[in-house]
PDB file of N, CA and C in Angstrom:
ATOM      1  N   MET A   1       0.481  -1.127  -0.123  1.00  0.00           N
ATOM      2  CA  MET A   1       0.177  -0.273   0.248  1.00  0.00           C
ATOM      3  C   MET A   1       0.964   0.999  -0.095  1.00  0.00           C
ATOM      4  N   VAL A   2       1.767   1.159   0.877  1.00  0.00           N
ATOM      5  CA  VAL A   2       2.776   2.471   0.797  1.00  0.00           C
ATOM      6  C   VAL A   2       3.558   2.757  -0.540  1.00  0.00           C
ATOM      7  N   GLU A   3       3.790   1.862  -1.462  1.00  0.00           N
ATOM      8  CA  GLU A   3       4.407   1.626  -2.828  1.00  0.00           C
ATOM      9  C   GLU A   3       3.354   2.364  -3.682  1.00  0.00           C
ATOM     10  N   THR A   4       1.919   1.838  -3.348  1.00  0.00           N
ATOM     11  CA  THR A   4       0.945   2.587  -4.442  1.00  0.00           C
ATOM     12  C   THR A   4       0.851   4.208  -4.318  1.00  0.00           C
ATOM     13  N   THR A   5       1.014   4.475  -2.976  1.00  0.00           N
ATOM     14  CA  THR A   5       0.666   5.775  -2.561  1.00  0.00           C
ATOM     15  C   THR A   5       1.856   6.592  -3.180  1.00  0.00           C
ATOM     16  N   LEU A   6       3.151   6.144  -2.965  1.00  0.00           N
ATOM     17  CA  LEU A   6       4.146   6.917  -3.447  1.00  0.00           C
ATOM     18  C   LEU A   6       4.271   6.994  -4.940  1.00  0.00           C
ATOM     19  N   MET A   7       3.688   5.859  -5.646  1.00  0.00           N
ATOM     20  CA  MET A   7       3.626   5.796  -7.077  1.00  0.00           C
ATOM     21  C   MET A   7       2.326   7.117  -7.417  1.00  0.00           C
ATOM     22  N   VAL A   8       1.334   6.921  -6.686  1.00  0.00           N
ATOM     23  CA  VAL A   8       0.392   7.889  -7.145  1.00  0.00           C
ATOM     24  C   VAL A   8       0.641   9.291  -6.781  1.00  0.00           C
ATOM     25  N   GLY A   9       1.396   9.330  -5.822  1.00  0.00           N
ATOM     26  CA  GLY A   9       1.853  10.874  -5.541  1.00  0.00           C
ATOM     27  C   GLY A   9       2.767  11.179  -6.575  1.00  0.00           C
ATOM     28  N   ALA A  10       3.316  10.471  -6.818  1.00  0.00           N
ATOM     29  CA  ALA A  10       4.694  10.841  -7.807  1.00  0.00           C
ATOM     30  C   ALA A  10       4.018  11.237  -9.248  1.00  0.00           C
ATOM     31  N   VAL A  11       3.408  10.318  -9.579  1.00  0.00           N
ATOM     32  CA  VAL A  11       2.258  10.637 -10.907  1.00  0.00           C
ATOM     33  C   VAL A  11       1.726  11.976 -10.759  1.00  0.00           C
ATOM     34  N   MET A  12       1.108  11.945  -9.535  1.00  0.00           N
ATOM     35  CA  MET A  12       0.547  13.407  -9.527  1.00  0.00           C
ATOM     36  C   MET A  12       1.402  14.699  -9.451  1.00  0.00           C
ATOM     37  N   LEU A  13       2.393  14.497  -8.724  1.00  0.00           N
ATOM     38  CA  LEU A  13       3.488  15.339  -8.392  1.00  0.00           C
ATOM     39  C   LEU A  13       3.898  15.830  -9.949  1.00  0.00           C
ATOM     40  N   ALA A  14       4.378  14.729 -10.884  1.00  0.00           N
ATOM     41  CA  ALA A  14       4.580  15.389 -12.350  1.00  0.00           C
ATOM     42  C   ALA A  14       3.797  16.058 -13.034  1.00  0.00           C
ATOM     43  N   ILE A  15       2.652  15.487 -13.110  1.00  0.00           N
ATOM     44  CA  ILE A  15       1.369  16.195 -13.712  1.00  0.00           C
ATOM     45  C   ILE A  15       1.277  17.591 -13.392  1.00  0.00           C
ATOM     46  N   LEU A  16       1.473  18.017 -12.103  1.00  0.00           N
ATOM     47  CA  LEU A  16       0.797  19.231 -11.643  1.00  0.00           C
ATOM     48  C   LEU A  16       2.288  19.968 -11.499  1.00  0.00           C
ATOM     49  N   LEU A  17       3.354  19.320 -11.486  1.00  0.00           N
ATOM     50  CA  LEU A  17       4.420  20.450 -11.862  1.00  0.00           C
ATOM     51  C   LEU A  17       4.744  20.857 -13.213  1.00  0.00           C
ATOM     52  N   VAL A  18       4.415  20.120 -14.180  1.00  0.00           N
ATOM     53  CA  VAL A  18       4.147  20.464 -15.518  1.00  0.00           C
ATOM     54  C   VAL A  18       3.093  21.490 -15.805  1.00  0.00           C
ATOM     55  N   LEU A  19       2.084  21.420 -15.367  1.00  0.00           N
ATOM     56  CA  LEU A  19       0.894  22.460 -15.398  1.00  0.00           C
ATOM     57  C   LEU A  19       1.424  23.669 -14.803  1.00  0.00           C
ATOM     58  N   ALA A  20       1.950  23.618 -13.462  1.00  0.00           N
ATOM     59  CA  ALA A  20       2.209  24.819 -12.947  1.00  0.00           C
ATOM     60  C   ALA A  20       3.579  25.628 -13.315  1.00  0.00           C
ATOM     61  N   PHE A  21       4.502  24.885 -14.096  1.00  0.00           N
ATOM     62  CA  PHE A  21       5.525  25.471 -14.886  1.00  0.00           C
ATOM     63  C   PHE A  21       4.700  26.275 -16.043  1.00  0.00           C
ATOM     64  N   ILE A  22       3.903  25.532 -16.817  1.00  0.00           N
ATOM     65  CA  ILE A  22       3.166  25.910 -18.023  1.00  0.00           C
ATOM     66  C   ILE A  22       2.284  27.400 -17.492  1.00  0.00           C
ATOM     67  N   MET A  23       1.685  27.510 -16.643  1.00  0.00           N
ATOM     68  CA  MET A  23       0.914  28.587 -15.972  1.00  0.00           C
ATOM     69  C   MET A  23       1.657  29.531 -15.363  1.00  0.00           C
ATOM     70  N   ASN A  24       3.066  28.956 -14.884  1.00  0.00           N
ATOM     71  CA  ASN A  24       3.910  30.146 -14.238  1.00  0.00           C
ATOM     72  C   ASN A  24       4.409  30.967 -15.528  1.00  0.00           C
ATOM     73  N   LYS A  25       4.711  30.487 -16.599  1.00  0.00           N
ATOM     74  CA  LYS A  25       5.330  31.028 -17.955  1.00  0.00           C
ATOM     75  C   LYS A  25       4.077  31.925 -18.784  1.00  0.00           C
ATOM     76  N   ALA A  26       2.990  31.328 -18.364  1.00  0.00           N
ATOM     77  CA  ALA A  26       1.792  32.007 -19.283  1.00  0.00           C
ATOM     78  C   ALA A  26       1.290  33.439 -18.482  1.00  0.00           C
ATOM     79  N   THR A  27       1.465  33.285 -17.109  1.00  0.00           N
ATOM     80  CA  THR A  27       1.453  34.728 -16.534  1.00  0.00           C
ATOM     81  C   THR A  27       2.434  35.340 -15.860  1.00  0.00           C
ATOM     82  N   SER A  28       1.787  36.505 -15.407  1.00  0.00           N
ATOM     83  CA  SER A  28       2.931  37.311 -14.840  1.00  0.00           C
ATOM     84  C   SER A  28       3.422  37.107 -13.203  1.00  0.00           C
ATOM     85  N   LYS A  29       4.680  37.530 -13.035  1.00  0.00           N
ATOM     86  CA  LYS A  29       5.539  37.062 -11.785  1.00  0.00           C
ATOM     87  C   LYS A  29       4.784  37.415 -10.481  1.00  0.00           C
ATOM     88  N   THR A  30       3.869  38.367 -10.727  1.00  0.00           N
ATOM     89  CA  THR A  30       3.018  38.996  -9.436  1.00  0.00           C
ATOM     90  C   THR A  30       1.734  38.150  -9.354  1.00  0.00           C
ATOM     91  N   SER A  31       1.392  37.191 -10.558  1.00  0.00           N
ATOM     92  CA  SER A  31      -0.007  36.200 -10.255  1.00  0.00           C
ATOM     93  C   SER A  31       0.234  35.253  -9.498  1.00  0.00           C
ATOM     94  N   TYR A  32      -1.042  35.060  -9.039  1.00  0.00           N
ATOM     95  CA  TYR A  32      -1.114  33.559  -8.125  1.00  0.00           C
ATOM     96  C   TYR A  32      -1.488  32.678  -8.787  1.00  0.00           C
ATOM     97  N   VAL A  33      -1.845  32.675 -10.153  1.00  0.00           N
ATOM     98  CA  VAL A  33      -3.097  31.954 -10.828  1.00  0.00           C
ATOM     99  C   VAL A  33      -2.085  30.270 -11.055  1.00  0.00           C
ATOM    100  N   ALA A  34      -0.767  30.492 -10.868  1.00  0.00           N
ATOM    101  CA  ALA A  34      -0.164  29.309 -10.960  1.00  0.00           C
ATOM    102  C   ALA A  34      -0.523  28.504  -9.694  1.00  0.00           C
ATOM    103  N   TYR A  35      -0.645  29.069  -8.639  1.00  0.00           N
ATOM    104  CA  TYR A  35      -0.887  27.945  -7.505  1.00  0.00           C
ATOM    105  C   TYR A  35      -2.175  27.578  -7.430  1.00  0.00           C
ATOM    106  N   TYR A  36      -3.137  27.886  -8.114  1.00  0.00           N
ATOM    107  CA  TYR A  36      -4.602  27.159  -8.336  1.00  0.00           C
ATOM    108  C   TYR A  36      -4.757  25.892  -8.289  1.00  0.00           C
ATOM    109  N   PRO A  37      -4.243  25.221  -9.226  1.00  0.00           N
ATOM    110  CA  PRO A  37      -4.105  23.754  -9.120  1.00  0.00           C
ATOM    111  C   PRO A  37      -3.707  23.040  -7.771  1.00  0.00           C
ATOM    112  N   SER A  38      -2.531  23.639  -7.537  1.00  0.00           N
ATOM    113  CA  SER A  38      -2.213  23.112  -5.986  1.00  0.00           C
ATOM    114  C   SER A  38      -3.148  23.156  -5.012  1.00  0.00           C
ATOM    115  N   PHE A  39      -3.805  24.326  -4.876  1.00  0.00           N
ATOM    116  CA  PHE A  39      -4.955  24.492  -4.221  1.00  0.00           C
ATOM    117  C   PHE A  39      -5.908  23.530  -4.101  1.00  0.00           C
ATOM    118  N   VAL A  40      -6.540  23.424  -5.659  1.00  0.00           N
ATOM    119  CA  VAL A  40      -7.596  22.604  -5.596  1.00  0.00           C
ATOM    120  C   VAL A  40      -7.010  20.973  -5.129  1.00  0.00           C
ATOM    121  N   LEU A  41      -6.001  20.437  -5.591  1.00  0.00           N
ATOM    122  CA  LEU A  41      -5.503  19.367  -5.430  1.00  0.00           C
ATOM    123  C   LEU A  41      -5.321  19.395  -3.779  1.00  0.00           C
ATOM    124  N   PHE A  42      -4.973  20.042  -3.131  1.00  0.00           N
ATOM    125  CA  PHE A  42      -4.919  20.077  -1.793  1.00  0.00           C
ATOM    126  C   PHE A  42      -6.329  19.853  -0.992  1.00  0.00           C
ATOM    127  N   ALA A  43      -7.079  20.571  -1.385  1.00  0.00           N
ATOM    128  CA  ALA A  43      -8.549  20.389  -1.029  1.00  0.00           C
ATOM    129  C   ALA A  43      -9.270  19.180  -1.071  1.00  0.00           C
ATOM    130  N   THR A  44      -8.651  18.663  -2.282  1.00  0.00           N
ATOM    131  CA  THR A  44      -9.059  17.346  -2.736  1.00  0.00           C
ATOM    132  C   THR A  44      -8.274  16.254  -1.642  1.00  0.00           C
ATOM    133  N   GLY A  45      -7.576  16.569  -1.474  1.00  0.00           N
ATOM    134  CA  GLY A  45      -6.547  15.600  -0.909  1.00  0.00           C
ATOM    135  C   GLY A  45      -7.356  15.640   0.958  1.00  0.00           C
ATOM    136  N   LEU A  46      -7.758  16.517   1.305  1.00  0.00           N
ATOM    137  CA  LEU A  46      -8.389  16.666   2.561  1.00  0.00           C
ATOM    138  C   LEU A  46      -9.833  16.472   2.266  1.00  0.00           C
ATOM    139  N   ILE A  47     -10.234  16.217   1.665  1.00  0.00           N
ATOM    140  CA  ILE A  47     -11.897  15.525   1.372  1.00  0.00           C
ATOM    141  C   ILE A  47     -11.605  14.080   1.456  1.00  0.00           C
ATOM    142  N   PHE A  48     -10.356  13.448   0.435  1.00  0.00           N
ATOM    143  CA  PHE A  48     -10.089  12.028   0.535  1.00  0.00           C
ATOM    144  C   PHE A  48      -9.710  11.740   2.064  1.00  0.00           C
ATOM    145  N   LEU A  49      -9.028  12.501   2.680  1.00  0.00           N
ATOM    146  CA  LEU A  49      -9.035  12.113   3.920  1.00  0.00           C
ATOM    147  C   LEU A  49      -9.950  11.970   4.916  1.00  0.00           C
ATOM    148  N   LEU A  50     -11.053  12.841   4.540  1.00  0.00           N
ATOM    149  CA  LEU A  50     -12.175  13.005   5.660  1.00  0.00           C
ATOM    150  C   LEU A  50     -13.053  11.967   5.096  1.00  0.00           C
ATOM    151  N   MET A  51     -12.970  11.586   3.929  1.00  0.00           N
ATOM    152  CA  MET A  51     -13.755  10.219   3.625  1.00  0.00           C
ATOM    153  C   MET A  51     -13.273   9.052   3.818  1.00  0.00           C
ATOM    154  N   ALA A  52     -11.708   8.896   4.196  1.00  0.00           N
ATOM    155  CA  ALA A  52     -11.176   7.825   4.633  1.00  0.00           C
ATOM    156  C   ALA A  52     -11.656   7.281   6.177  1.00  0.00           C
ATOM    157  N   THR A  53     -11.898   8.476   6.673  1.00  0.00           N
ATOM    158  CA  THR A  53     -12.250   8.366   8.187  1.00  0.00           C
ATOM    159  C   THR A  53     -13.651   7.606   8.497  1.00  0.00           C
ATOM    160  N   LEU A  54     -14.449   7.988   7.106  1.00  0.00           N
ATOM    161  CA  LEU A  54     -16.082   7.265   7.136  1.00  0.00           C
ATOM    162  C   LEU A  54     -16.141   5.855   6.467  1.00  0.00           C
ATOM    163  N   THR A  55     -15.316   6.057   5.623  1.00  0.00           N
ATOM    164  CA  THR A  55     -15.716   4.551   4.745  1.00  0.00           C
ATOM    165  C   THR A  55     -14.020   3.773   4.717  1.00  0.00           C
ATOM    166  N   LYS A  56     -14.161   2.561   4.275  1.00  0.00           N
ATOM    167  CA  LYS A  56     -13.266   1.806   4.183  1.00  0.00           C
ATOM    168  C   LYS A  56     -13.524   1.216   2.620  1.00  0.00           C
ATOM    169  N   VAL A  57     -12.607   1.846   1.742  1.00  0.00           N
ATOM    170  CA  VAL A  57     -12.726   1.814  -0.023  1.00  0.00           C
ATOM    171  C   VAL A  57     -11.100   1.354  -0.399  1.00  0.00           C
ATOM    172  N   ASP A  58     -11.309   0.500  -1.082  1.00  0.00           N
ATOM    173  CA  ASP A  58     -10.066   0.273  -2.157  1.00  0.00           C
ATOM    174  C   ASP A  58     -10.335   0.915  -3.572  1.00  0.00           C
ATOM    175  N   ILE A  59      -9.645   1.874  -3.968  1.00  0.00           N
ATOM    176  CA  ILE A  59      -9.866   2.313  -5.170  1.00  0.00           C
ATOM    177  C   ILE A  59      -8.917   1.794  -6.372  1.00  0.00           C
ATOM    178  N   MET A  60      -9.678   1.387  -7.026  1.00  0.00           N
ATOM    179  CA  MET A  60      -9.156   0.614  -8.662  1.00  0.00           C
ATOM    180  C   MET A  60      -8.384  -0.936  -8.309  1.00  0.00           C
ATOM    181  N   GLY A  61      -8.597  -1.135  -7.244  1.00  0.00           N
ATOM    182  CA  GLY A  61      -7.696  -2.522  -6.738  1.00  0.00           C
ATOM    183  C   GLY A  61      -6.115  -2.678  -6.628  1.00  0.00           C
ATOM    184  N   MET A  62      -5.841  -1.224  -6.279  1.00  0.00           N
ATOM    185  CA  MET A  62      -4.415  -1.061  -6.255  1.00  0.00           C
ATOM    186  C   MET A  62      -3.896  -0.867  -4.894  1.00  0.00           C
ATOM    187  N   GLY A  63      -4.706  -0.948  -3.719  1.00  0.00           N
ATOM    188  CA  GLY A  63      -4.436  -1.204  -2.614  1.00  0.00           C
ATOM    189  C   GLY A  63      -4.289   0.116  -1.627  1.00  0.00           C
ATOM    190  N   ALA A  64      -4.457   1.149  -2.308  1.00  0.00           N
ATOM    191  CA  ALA A  64      -4.652   2.213  -1.649  1.00  0.00           C
ATOM    192  C   ALA A  64      -6.093   2.971  -1.777  1.00  0.00           C
ATOM    193  N   GLY A  65      -6.546   3.210  -0.467  1.00  0.00           N
ATOM    194  CA  GLY A  65      -8.131   3.702  -0.539  1.00  0.00           C
ATOM    195  C   GLY A  65      -7.836   5.080  -0.486  1.00  0.00           C
ATOM    196  N   TYR A  66      -8.925   5.950   0.305  1.00  0.00           N
ATOM    197  CA  TYR A  66      -9.158   7.314   0.013  1.00  0.00           C
ATOM    198  C   TYR A  66      -7.960   7.972   0.920  1.00  0.00           C
ATOM    199  N   GLY A  67      -7.481   7.315   1.800  1.00  0.00           N
ATOM    200  CA  GLY A  67      -6.547   7.712   2.783  1.00  0.00           C
ATOM    201  C   GLY A  67      -5.454   7.666   1.982  1.00  0.00           C
ATOM    202  N   GLY A  68      -4.833   6.910   1.266  1.00  0.00           N
ATOM    203  CA  GLY A  68      -3.336   6.736   0.331  1.00  0.00           C
ATOM    204  C   GLY A  68      -3.413   7.785  -0.753  1.00  0.00           C
ATOM    205  N   TRP A  69      -4.906   7.955  -1.388  1.00  0.00           N
ATOM    206  CA  TRP A  69      -5.152   8.926  -2.433  1.00  0.00           C
ATOM    207  C   TRP A  69      -5.080  10.507  -1.626  1.00  0.00           C
ATOM    208  N   GLY A  70      -5.392  10.441  -0.713  1.00  0.00           N
ATOM    209  CA  GLY A  70      -5.252  11.770   0.076  1.00  0.00           C
ATOM    210  C   GLY A  70      -4.024  12.115   0.562  1.00  0.00           C
ATOM    211  N   ILE A  71      -3.337  11.379   0.931  1.00  0.00           N
ATOM    212  CA  ILE A  71      -1.790  11.747   1.250  1.00  0.00           C
ATOM    213  C   ILE A  71      -1.091  11.576   0.273  1.00  0.00           C
ATOM    214  N   ALA A  72      -1.413  11.230  -0.921  1.00  0.00           N
ATOM    215  CA  ALA A  72      -0.547  11.231  -2.296  1.00  0.00           C
ATOM    216  C   ALA A  72      -0.643  12.681  -2.872  1.00  0.00           C
ATOM    217  N   ALA A  73      -2.150  13.405  -2.767  1.00  0.00           N
ATOM    218  CA  ALA A  73      -2.447  14.493  -2.863  1.00  0.00           C
ATOM    219  C   ALA A  73      -1.900  15.590  -2.505  1.00  0.00           C
ATOM    220  N   LEU A  74      -1.974  15.474  -0.917  1.00  0.00           N
ATOM    221  CA  LEU A  74      -1.033  16.481  -0.355  1.00  0.00           C
ATOM    222  C   LEU A  74       0.081  16.628  -0.697  1.00  0.00           C
ATOM    223  N   PHE A  75       0.845  15.371  -0.526  1.00  0.00           N
ATOM    224  CA  PHE A  75       2.419  15.517  -0.768  1.00  0.00           C
ATOM    225  C   PHE A  75       2.275  16.216  -2.265  1.00  0.00           C
ATOM    226  N   ALA A  76       1.830  15.878  -3.231  1.00  0.00           N
ATOM    227  CA  ALA A  76       2.172  16.529  -4.852  1.00  0.00           C
ATOM    228  C   ALA A  76       1.777  17.895  -4.397  1.00  0.00           C
ATOM    229  N   SER A  77       0.771  18.433  -3.964  1.00  0.00           N
ATOM    230  CA  SER A  77       0.345  19.960  -3.889  1.00  0.00           C
ATOM    231  C   SER A  77       1.707  20.584  -2.894  1.00  0.00           C
ATOM    232  N   ALA A  78       2.033  20.098  -1.976  1.00  0.00           N
ATOM    233  CA  ALA A  78       2.971  20.740  -1.082  1.00  0.00           C
ATOM    234  C   ALA A  78       4.059  20.771  -1.835  1.00  0.00           C
ATOM    235  N   ILE A  79       4.466  19.807  -2.507  1.00  0.00           N
ATOM    236  CA  ILE A  79       5.950  19.969  -3.188  1.00  0.00           C
ATOM    237  C   ILE A  79       5.709  20.946  -4.262  1.00  0.00           C
ATOM    238  N   THR A  80       4.722  20.823  -5.126  1.00  0.00           N
ATOM    239  CA  THR A  80       4.622  21.774  -6.173  1.00  0.00           C
ATOM    240  C   THR A  80       4.650  23.232  -5.676  1.00  0.00           C
ATOM    241  N   MET A  81       4.021  23.503  -4.502  1.00  0.00           N
ATOM    242  CA  MET A  81       3.767  24.691  -4.037  1.00  0.00           C
ATOM    243  C   MET A  81       5.145  25.017  -3.680  1.00  0.00           C
ATOM    244  N   ILE A  82       6.100  24.518  -3.066  1.00  0.00           N
ATOM    245  CA  ILE A  82       7.262  24.602  -2.691  1.00  0.00           C
ATOM    246  C   ILE A  82       8.288  25.011  -3.851  1.00  0.00           C
ATOM    247  N   VAL A  83       8.265  24.127  -4.990  1.00  0.00           N
ATOM    248  CA  VAL A  83       8.945  24.199  -6.010  1.00  0.00           C
ATOM    249  C   VAL A  83       8.827  25.784  -6.630  1.00  0.00           C
ATOM    250  N   LEU A  84       7.243  25.980  -6.837  1.00  0.00           N
ATOM    251  CA  LEU A  84       6.800  27.096  -7.380  1.00  0.00           C
ATOM    252  C   LEU A  84       7.379  28.062  -6.849  1.00  0.00           C
ATOM    253  N   SER A  85       6.971  28.515  -5.649  1.00  0.00           N
ATOM    254  CA  SER A  85       7.515  29.622  -4.695  1.00  0.00           C
ATOM    255  C   SER A  85       9.018  29.855  -4.970  1.00  0.00           C
ATOM    256  N   ILE A  86       9.943  28.760  -4.963  1.00  0.00           N
ATOM    257  CA  ILE A  86      11.288  28.648  -5.236  1.00  0.00           C
ATOM    258  C   ILE A  86      11.462  29.531  -6.840  1.00  0.00           C
ATOM    259  N   MET A  87      10.653  28.939  -7.579  1.00  0.00           N
ATOM    260  CA  MET A  87      10.866  29.372  -9.195  1.00  0.00           C
ATOM    261  C   MET A  87      10.505  30.779  -9.168  1.00  0.00           C
ATOM    262  N   GLN A  88       9.602  31.451  -8.518  1.00  0.00           N
ATOM    263  CA  GLN A  88       9.173  32.783  -8.566  1.00  0.00           C
ATOM    264  C   GLN A  88       9.905  33.799  -7.884  1.00  0.00           C
ATOM    265  N   VAL A  89      10.855  33.396  -7.370  1.00  0.00           N
ATOM    266  CA  VAL A  89      11.846  34.214  -6.650  1.00  0.00           C
ATOM    267  C   VAL A  89      12.703  34.695  -7.683  1.00  0.00           C
ATOM    268  N   GLU A  90      12.871  36.296  -7.728  1.00  0.00           N
ATOM    269  CA  GLU A  90      13.871  37.035  -8.704  1.00  0.00           C
ATOM    270  C   GLU A  90      15.091  37.018  -7.899  1.00  0.00           C
ATOM    271  N   PRO A  91      16.212  36.388  -8.653  1.00  0.00           N
ATOM    272  CA  PRO A  91      17.337  36.928  -8.237  1.00  0.00           C
ATOM    273  C   PRO A  91      17.855  38.440  -8.120  1.00  0.00           C
ATOM    274  N   ASP A  92      18.735  38.825  -7.196  1.00  0.00           N
ATOM    275  CA  ASP A  92      19.267  39.883  -6.527  1.00  0.00           C
ATOM    276  C   ASP A  92      19.868  40.359  -7.818  1.00  0.00           C
ATOM    277  N   ALA A  93      19.795  41.768  -8.205  1.00  0.00           N
ATOM    278  CA  ALA A  93      20.669  42.239  -9.533  1.00  0.00           C
ATOM    279  C   ALA A  93      22.165  42.538  -9.123  1.00  0.00           C
ATOM    280  N   LYS A  94      22.476  42.933  -7.606  1.00  0.00           N
ATOM    281  CA  LYS A  94      23.637  42.879  -7.225  1.00  0.00           C
ATOM    282  C   LYS A  94      24.512  41.749  -6.761  1.00  0.00           C
ATOM    283  N   GLY A  95      23.999  40.425  -6.912  1.00  0.00           N
ATOM    284  CA  GLY A  95      24.663  39.380  -6.995  1.00  0.00           C
ATOM    285  C   GLY A  95      24.476  38.818  -5.776  1.00  0.00           C
TER     286      GLY A  95
END
């Protein structure tokens, strides 16, 4: 189950990073639009964790239930927000 959660998290992370890079290049540096997919995935992860406390479900027979998908979503959104915030920092002109 741990391997499935890590795999799902890595796939979500890759997709979210590509989407964030594209949205970051398409918008201005002062815009927060590139963070919106991460916020949505974070909220989805919280909803999955809430559902995991209420039900016992195995999604797609992979061994990870709502809790695993929720943890994977939270992992992917947090890492994407960290990488995106580092990308948006402009270097100092003085060096």
